[in-house]
All heavy atoms as atom14 arrays in JSON, in Angstrom:
{
  "sequence": "GKKVGDVFGLADILLNDFNVAVIPCKDFGF",
  "atom14_mask": [
    [1, 1, 1, 1, 0, 0, 0, 0, 0, 0, 0, 0, 0, 0],
    [1, 1, 1, 1, 1, 1, 1, 1, 1, 0, 0, 0, 0, 0],
    [1, 1, 1, 1, 1, 1, 1, 1, 1, 0, 0, 0, 0, 0],
    [1, 1, 1, 1, 1, 1, 1, 0, 0, 0, 0, 0, 0, 0],
    [1, 1, 1, 1, 0, 0, 0, 0, 0, 0, 0, 0, 0, 0],
    [1, 1, 1, 1, 1, 1, 1, 1, 0, 0, 0, 0, 0, 0],
    [1, 1, 1, 1, 1, 1, 1, 0, 0, 0, 0, 0, 0, 0],
    [1, 1, 1, 1, 1, 1, 1, 1, 1, 1, 1, 0, 0, 0],
    [1, 1, 1, 1, 0, 0, 0, 0, 0, 0, 0, 0, 0, 0],
    [1, 1, 1, 1, 1, 1, 1, 1, 0, 0, 0, 0, 0, 0],
    [1, 1, 1, 1, 1, 0, 0, 0, 0, 0, 0, 0, 0, 0],
    [1, 1, 1, 1, 1, 1, 1, 1, 0, 0, 0, 0, 0, 0],
    [1, 1, 1, 1, 1, 1, 1, 1, 0, 0, 0, 0, 0, 0],
    [1, 1, 1, 1, 1, 1, 1, 1, 0, 0, 0, 0, 0, 0],
    [1, 1, 1, 1, 1, 1, 1, 1, 0, 0, 0, 0, 0, 0],
    [1, 1, 1, 1, 1, 1, 1, 1, 0, 0, 0, 0, 0, 0],
    [1, 1, 1, 1, 1, 1, 1, 1, 0, 0, 0, 0, 0, 0],
    [1, 1, 1, 1, 1, 1, 1, 1, 1, 1, 1, 0, 0, 0],
    [1, 1, 1, 1, 1, 1, 1, 1, 0, 0, 0, 0, 0, 0],
    [1, 1, 1, 1, 1, 1, 1, 0, 0, 0, 0, 0, 0, 0],
    [1, 1, 1, 1, 1, 0, 0, 0, 0, 0, 0, 0, 0, 0],
    [1, 1, 1, 1, 1, 1, 1, 0, 0, 0, 0, 0, 0, 0],
    [1, 1, 1, 1, 1, 1, 1, 1, 0, 0, 0, 0, 0, 0],
    [1, 1, 1, 1, 1, 1, 1, 0, 0, 0, 0, 0, 0, 0],
    [1, 1, 1, 1, 1, 1, 0, 0, 0, 0, 0, 0, 0, 0],
    [1, 1, 1, 1, 1, 1, 1, 1, 1, 0, 0, 0, 0, 0],
    [1, 1, 1, 1, 1, 1, 1, 1, 0, 0, 0, 0, 0, 0],
    [1, 1, 1, 1, 1, 1, 1, 1, 1, 1, 1, 0, 0, 0],
    [1, 1, 1, 1, 0, 0, 0, 0, 0, 0, 0, 0, 0, 0],
    [1, 1, 1, 1, 1, 1, 1, 1, 1, 1, 1, 0, 0, 0]
  ],
  "atom14_positions": [
    [[-29.62, -22.92, -5.26], [-30.81, -22.31, -5.84], [-31.02, -20.85, -5.52], [-32.02, -20.25, -5.93], [0.0, 0.0, 0.0], [0.0, 0.0, 0.0], [0.0, 0.0, 0.0], [0.0, 0.0, 0.0], [0.0, 0.0, 0.0], [0.0, 0.0, 0.0], [0.0, 0.0, 0.0], [0.0, 0.0, 0.0], [0.0, 0.0, 0.0], [0.0, 0.0, 0.0]],
    [[-30.1, -20.24, -4.8], [-30.25, -18.83, -4.41], [-29.0, -18.06, -4.81], [-27.87, -18.53, -4.63], [-30.48, -18.73, -2.9], [-30.71, -17.32, -2.4], [-30.91, -17.31, -0.89], [-31.08, -15.89, -0.37], [-31.23, -15.86, 1.11], [0.0, 0.0, 0.0], [0.0, 0.0, 0.0], [0.0, 0.0, 0.0], [0.0, 0.0, 0.0], [0.0, 0.0, 0.0]],
    [[-29.19, -16.86, -5.34], [-28.06, -16.04, -5.74], [-27.16, -15.7, -4.56], [-27.66, -15.43, -3.45], [-28.53, -14.75, -6.42], [-28.98, -14.92, -7.86], [-29.26, -13.57, -8.5], [-29.66, -13.75, -9.97], [-29.93, -12.44, -10.62], [0.0, 0.0, 0.0], [0.0, 0.0, 0.0], [0.0, 0.0, 0.0], [0.0, 0.0, 0.0], [0.0, 0.0, 0.0]],
    [[-25.88, -15.68, -4.8], [-24.92, -15.28, -3.76], [-25.23, -13.85, -3.32], [-25.21, -13.54, -2.12], [-23.47, -15.4, -4.28], [-22.49, -14.81, -3.29], [-23.14, -16.87, -4.56], [0.0, 0.0, 0.0], [0.0, 0.0, 0.0], [0.0, 0.0, 0.0], [0.0, 0.0, 0.0], [0.0, 0.0, 0.0], [0.0, 0.0, 0.0], [0.0, 0.0, 0.0]],
    [[-25.5, -12.97, -4.28], [-26.0, -11.63, -3.96], [-24.94, -10.56, -3.79], [-24.87, -9.62, -4.57], [0.0, 0.0, 0.0], [0.0, 0.0, 0.0], [0.0, 0.0, 0.0], [0.0, 0.0, 0.0], [0.0, 0.0, 0.0], [0.0, 0.0, 0.0], [0.0, 0.0, 0.0], [0.0, 0.0, 0.0], [0.0, 0.0, 0.0], [0.0, 0.0, 0.0]],
    [[-24.12, -10.69, -2.76], [-23.08, -9.69, -2.51], [-21.96, -10.31, -1.69], [-21.98, -11.52, -1.4], [-23.66, -8.45, -1.81], [-24.3, -8.77, -0.46], [-24.0, -9.83, 0.14], [-25.12, -7.96, 0.01], [0.0, 0.0, 0.0], [0.0, 0.0, 0.0], [0.0, 0.0, 0.0], [0.0, 0.0, 0.0], [0.0, 0.0, 0.0], [0.0, 0.0, 0.0]],
    [[-21.0, -9.49, -1.33], [-19.81, -10.0, -0.65], [-20.13, -10.55, 0.73], [-19.5, -11.5, 1.21], [-18.71, -8.9, -0.6], [-19.08, -7.8, 0.39], [-17.36, -9.5, -0.29], [0.0, 0.0, 0.0], [0.0, 0.0, 0.0], [0.0, 0.0, 0.0], [0.0, 0.0, 0.0], [0.0, 0.0, 0.0], [0.0, 0.0, 0.0], [0.0, 0.0, 0.0]],
    [[-21.15, -9.98, 1.39], [-21.54, -10.49, 2.7], [-22.25, -11.84, 2.57], [-22.08, -12.73, 3.41], [-22.43, -9.48, 3.43], [-21.7, -8.25, 3.86], [-21.92, -7.04, 3.2], [-20.78, -8.27, 4.88], [-21.25, -5.9, 3.58], [-20.09, -7.13, 5.27], [-20.33, -5.94, 4.61], [0.0, 0.0, 0.0], [0.0, 0.0, 0.0], [0.0, 0.0, 0.0]],
    [[-23.04, -11.98, 1.5], [-23.67, -13.26, 1.26], [-22.65, -14.35, 1.03], [-22.77, -15.48, 1.55], [0.0, 0.0, 0.0], [0.0, 0.0, 0.0], [0.0, 0.0, 0.0], [0.0, 0.0, 0.0], [0.0, 0.0, 0.0], [0.0, 0.0, 0.0], [0.0, 0.0, 0.0], [0.0, 0.0, 0.0], [0.0, 0.0, 0.0], [0.0, 0.0, 0.0]],
    [[-21.61, -14.02, 0.26], [-20.54, -14.98, 0.0], [-19.82, -15.35, 1.3], [-19.57, -16.53, 1.57], [-19.55, -14.39, -1.0], [-18.34, -15.26, -1.36], [-18.02, -15.15, -2.84], [-17.11, -14.84, -0.55], [0.0, 0.0, 0.0], [0.0, 0.0, 0.0], [0.0, 0.0, 0.0], [0.0, 0.0, 0.0], [0.0, 0.0, 0.0], [0.0, 0.0, 0.0]],
    [[-19.52, -14.35, 2.13], [-18.81, -14.61, 3.39], [-19.66, -15.47, 4.32], [-19.14, -16.36, 5.01], [-18.44, -13.3, 4.06], [0.0, 0.0, 0.0], [0.0, 0.0, 0.0], [0.0, 0.0, 0.0], [0.0, 0.0, 0.0], [0.0, 0.0, 0.0], [0.0, 0.0, 0.0], [0.0, 0.0, 0.0], [0.0, 0.0, 0.0], [0.0, 0.0, 0.0]],
    [[-20.97, -15.23, 4.34], [-21.87, -16.03, 5.2], [-21.9, -17.49, 4.76], [-21.86, -18.4, 5.59], [-23.28, -15.45, 5.17], [-23.43, -14.22, 6.04], [-22.56, -13.99, 6.91], [-24.41, -13.46, 5.84], [0.0, 0.0, 0.0], [0.0, 0.0, 0.0], [0.0, 0.0, 0.0], [0.0, 0.0, 0.0], [0.0, 0.0, 0.0], [0.0, 0.0, 0.0]],
    [[-21.98, -17.71, 3.45], [-22.0, -19.08, 2.95], [-20.7, -19.79, 3.3], [-20.7, -20.93, 3.78], [-22.21, -19.1, 1.42], [-23.6, -18.58, 1.06], [-22.02, -20.52, 0.86], [-23.78, -18.29, -0.43], [0.0, 0.0, 0.0], [0.0, 0.0, 0.0], [0.0, 0.0, 0.0], [0.0, 0.0, 0.0], [0.0, 0.0, 0.0], [0.0, 0.0, 0.0]],
    [[-19.58, -19.12, 3.09], [-18.29, -19.74, 3.37], [-18.15, -20.09, 4.84], [-17.64, -21.16, 5.19], [-17.16, -18.81, 2.94], [-16.88, -18.74, 1.43], [-15.81, -17.68, 1.14], [-16.43, -20.1, 0.88], [0.0, 0.0, 0.0], [0.0, 0.0, 0.0], [0.0, 0.0, 0.0], [0.0, 0.0, 0.0], [0.0, 0.0, 0.0], [0.0, 0.0, 0.0]],
    [[-18.61, -19.2, 5.72], [-18.45, -19.45, 7.15], [-19.43, -20.52, 7.65], [-19.04, -21.46, 8.35], [-18.65, -18.15, 7.94], [-18.4, -18.25, 9.45], [-17.0, -18.76, 9.75], [-18.62, -16.89, 10.11], [0.0, 0.0, 0.0], [0.0, 0.0, 0.0], [0.0, 0.0, 0.0], [0.0, 0.0, 0.0], [0.0, 0.0, 0.0], [0.0, 0.0, 0.0]],
    [[-20.68, -20.41, 7.25], [-21.7, -21.31, 7.8], [-21.75, -22.68, 7.14], [-22.04, -23.67, 7.8], [-23.07, -20.64, 7.68], [-23.18, -19.39, 8.54], [-22.7, -19.36, 9.67], [-23.78, -18.34, 7.99], [0.0, 0.0, 0.0], [0.0, 0.0, 0.0], [0.0, 0.0, 0.0], [0.0, 0.0, 0.0], [0.0, 0.0, 0.0], [0.0, 0.0, 0.0]],
    [[-21.43, -22.75, 5.83], [-21.54, -24.03, 5.12], [-20.19, -24.68, 4.83], [-20.12, -25.9, 4.62], [-22.29, -23.83, 3.79], [-23.77, -23.59, 4.0], [-24.19, -23.33, 5.14], [-24.53, -23.65, 3.0], [0.0, 0.0, 0.0], [0.0, 0.0, 0.0], [0.0, 0.0, 0.0], [0.0, 0.0, 0.0], [0.0, 0.0, 0.0], [0.0, 0.0, 0.0]],
    [[-19.12, -23.87, 4.81], [-17.81, -24.42, 4.47], [-16.76, -24.2, 5.56], [-15.61, -24.58, 5.4], [-17.32, -23.83, 3.14], [-18.12, -24.29, 1.95], [-19.3, -23.65, 1.59], [-17.71, -25.39, 1.21], [-20.06, -24.08, 0.51], [-18.46, -25.83, 0.12], [-19.63, -25.18, -0.23], [0.0, 0.0, 0.0], [0.0, 0.0, 0.0], [0.0, 0.0, 0.0]],
    [[-17.19, -23.59, 6.65], [-16.32, -23.39, 7.82], [-15.03, -22.65, 7.48], [-13.94, -23.01, 7.91], [-15.99, -24.73, 8.49], [-17.22, -25.44, 9.01], [-18.25, -24.81, 9.26], [-17.14, -26.75, 9.15], [0.0, 0.0, 0.0], [0.0, 0.0, 0.0], [0.0, 0.0, 0.0], [0.0, 0.0, 0.0], [0.0, 0.0, 0.0], [0.0, 0.0, 0.0]],
    [[-15.18, -21.58, 6.68], [-14.04, -20.73, 6.32], [-14.43, -19.28, 6.6], [-15.48, -18.82, 6.14], [-13.66, -20.87, 4.84], [-12.5, -19.94, 4.5], [-13.29, -22.29, 4.51], [0.0, 0.0, 0.0], [0.0, 0.0, 0.0], [0.0, 0.0, 0.0], [0.0, 0.0, 0.0], [0.0, 0.0, 0.0], [0.0, 0.0, 0.0], [0.0, 0.0, 0.0]],
    [[-13.58, -18.57, 7.33], [-13.84, -17.16, 7.64], [-12.98, -16.28, 6.73], [-11.75, -16.4, 6.7], [-13.51, -16.86, 9.09], [0.0, 0.0, 0.0], [0.0, 0.0, 0.0], [0.0, 0.0, 0.0], [0.0, 0.0, 0.0], [0.0, 0.0, 0.0], [0.0, 0.0, 0.0], [0.0, 0.0, 0.0], [0.0, 0.0, 0.0], [0.0, 0.0, 0.0]],
    [[-13.64, -15.41, 5.96], [-12.95, -14.43, 5.11], [-13.49, -13.04, 5.46], [-14.54, -12.92, 6.09], [-13.17, -14.72, 3.61], [-12.68, -16.11, 3.25], [-14.64, -14.55, 3.22], [0.0, 0.0, 0.0], [0.0, 0.0, 0.0], [0.0, 0.0, 0.0], [0.0, 0.0, 0.0], [0.0, 0.0, 0.0], [0.0, 0.0, 0.0], [0.0, 0.0, 0.0]],
    [[-12.77, -12.01, 5.05], [-13.18, -10.65, 5.38], [-13.81, -9.97, 4.17], [-13.13, -9.74, 3.16], [-11.97, -9.81, 5.85], [-11.34, -10.43, 7.1], [-12.38, -8.37, 6.13], [-12.24, -10.5, 8.3], [0.0, 0.0, 0.0], [0.0, 0.0, 0.0], [0.0, 0.0, 0.0], [0.0, 0.0, 0.0], [0.0, 0.0, 0.0], [0.0, 0.0, 0.0]],
    [[-15.12, -9.64, 4.22], [-15.72, -8.85, 3.14], [-15.12, -7.45, 3.17], [-14.97, -6.86, 4.24], [-17.2, -8.82, 3.51], [-17.38, -9.83, 4.6], [-16.08, -9.96, 5.28], [0.0, 0.0, 0.0], [0.0, 0.0, 0.0], [0.0, 0.0, 0.0], [0.0, 0.0, 0.0], [0.0, 0.0, 0.0], [0.0, 0.0, 0.0], [0.0, 0.0, 0.0]],
    [[-14.79, -6.9, 2.02], [-14.05, -5.63, 1.98], [-14.92, -4.4, 1.73], [-14.4, -3.35, 1.35], [-12.92, -5.71, 0.95], [-11.53, -6.72, 1.54], [0.0, 0.0, 0.0], [0.0, 0.0, 0.0], [0.0, 0.0, 0.0], [0.0, 0.0, 0.0], [0.0, 0.0, 0.0], [0.0, 0.0, 0.0], [0.0, 0.0, 0.0], [0.0, 0.0, 0.0]],
    [[-16.21, -4.52, 1.96], [-17.06, -3.33, 1.82], [-16.59, -2.24, 2.77], [-16.53, -1.06, 2.4], [-18.52, -3.66, 2.09], [-19.45, -2.47, 1.86], [-20.91, -2.83, 2.02], [-21.8, -1.62, 1.74], [-23.25, -1.94, 1.88], [0.0, 0.0, 0.0], [0.0, 0.0, 0.0], [0.0, 0.0, 0.0], [0.0, 0.0, 0.0], [0.0, 0.0, 0.0]],
    [[-16.24, -2.6, 4.0], [-15.76, -1.62, 4.97], [-14.33, -1.16, 4.66], [-13.82, -0.25, 5.32], [-15.81, -2.19, 6.39], [-17.24, -2.34, 6.89], [-18.14, -1.74, 6.29], [-17.45, -3.06, 7.88], [0.0, 0.0, 0.0], [0.0, 0.0, 0.0], [0.0, 0.0, 0.0], [0.0, 0.0, 0.0], [0.0, 0.0, 0.0], [0.0, 0.0, 0.0]],
    [[-13.69, -1.77, 3.65], [-12.38, -1.34, 3.18], [-12.5, -0.48, 1.91], [-11.51, -0.15, 1.28], [-11.5, -2.55, 2.87], [-11.09, -3.35, 4.08], [-12.0, -4.14, 4.78], [-9.77, -3.33, 4.52], [-11.62, -4.88, 5.88], [-9.37, -4.08, 5.62], [-10.31, -4.86, 6.31], [0.0, 0.0, 0.0], [0.0, 0.0, 0.0], [0.0, 0.0, 0.0]],
    [[-13.75, -0.18, 1.55], [-13.98, 0.67, 0.39], [-14.17, -0.07, -0.91], [-14.3, 0.56, -1.97], [0.0, 0.0, 0.0], [0.0, 0.0, 0.0], [0.0, 0.0, 0.0], [0.0, 0.0, 0.0], [0.0, 0.0, 0.0], [0.0, 0.0, 0.0], [0.0, 0.0, 0.0], [0.0, 0.0, 0.0], [0.0, 0.0, 0.0], [0.0, 0.0, 0.0]],
    [[-14.21, -1.41, -0.87], [-14.4, -2.21, -2.09], [-15.41, -3.31, -1.78], [-15.08, -4.32, -1.18], [-13.07, -2.83, -2.54], [-12.38, -2.07, -3.64], [-11.79, -0.85, -3.38], [-12.33, -2.57, -4.93], [-11.15, -0.13, -4.38], [-11.68, -1.87, -5.94], [-11.09, -0.65, -5.66], [0.0, 0.0, 0.0], [0.0, 0.0, 0.0], [0.0, 0.0, 0.0]]
  ]
}
């Protein structure tokens, strides 16, 4: 019921709800 929003929101959902760690690439320029 809530928008993913941005790459950090996606990474938080994956880590906290699906136990998967990915790297958001905002700090990589994308």
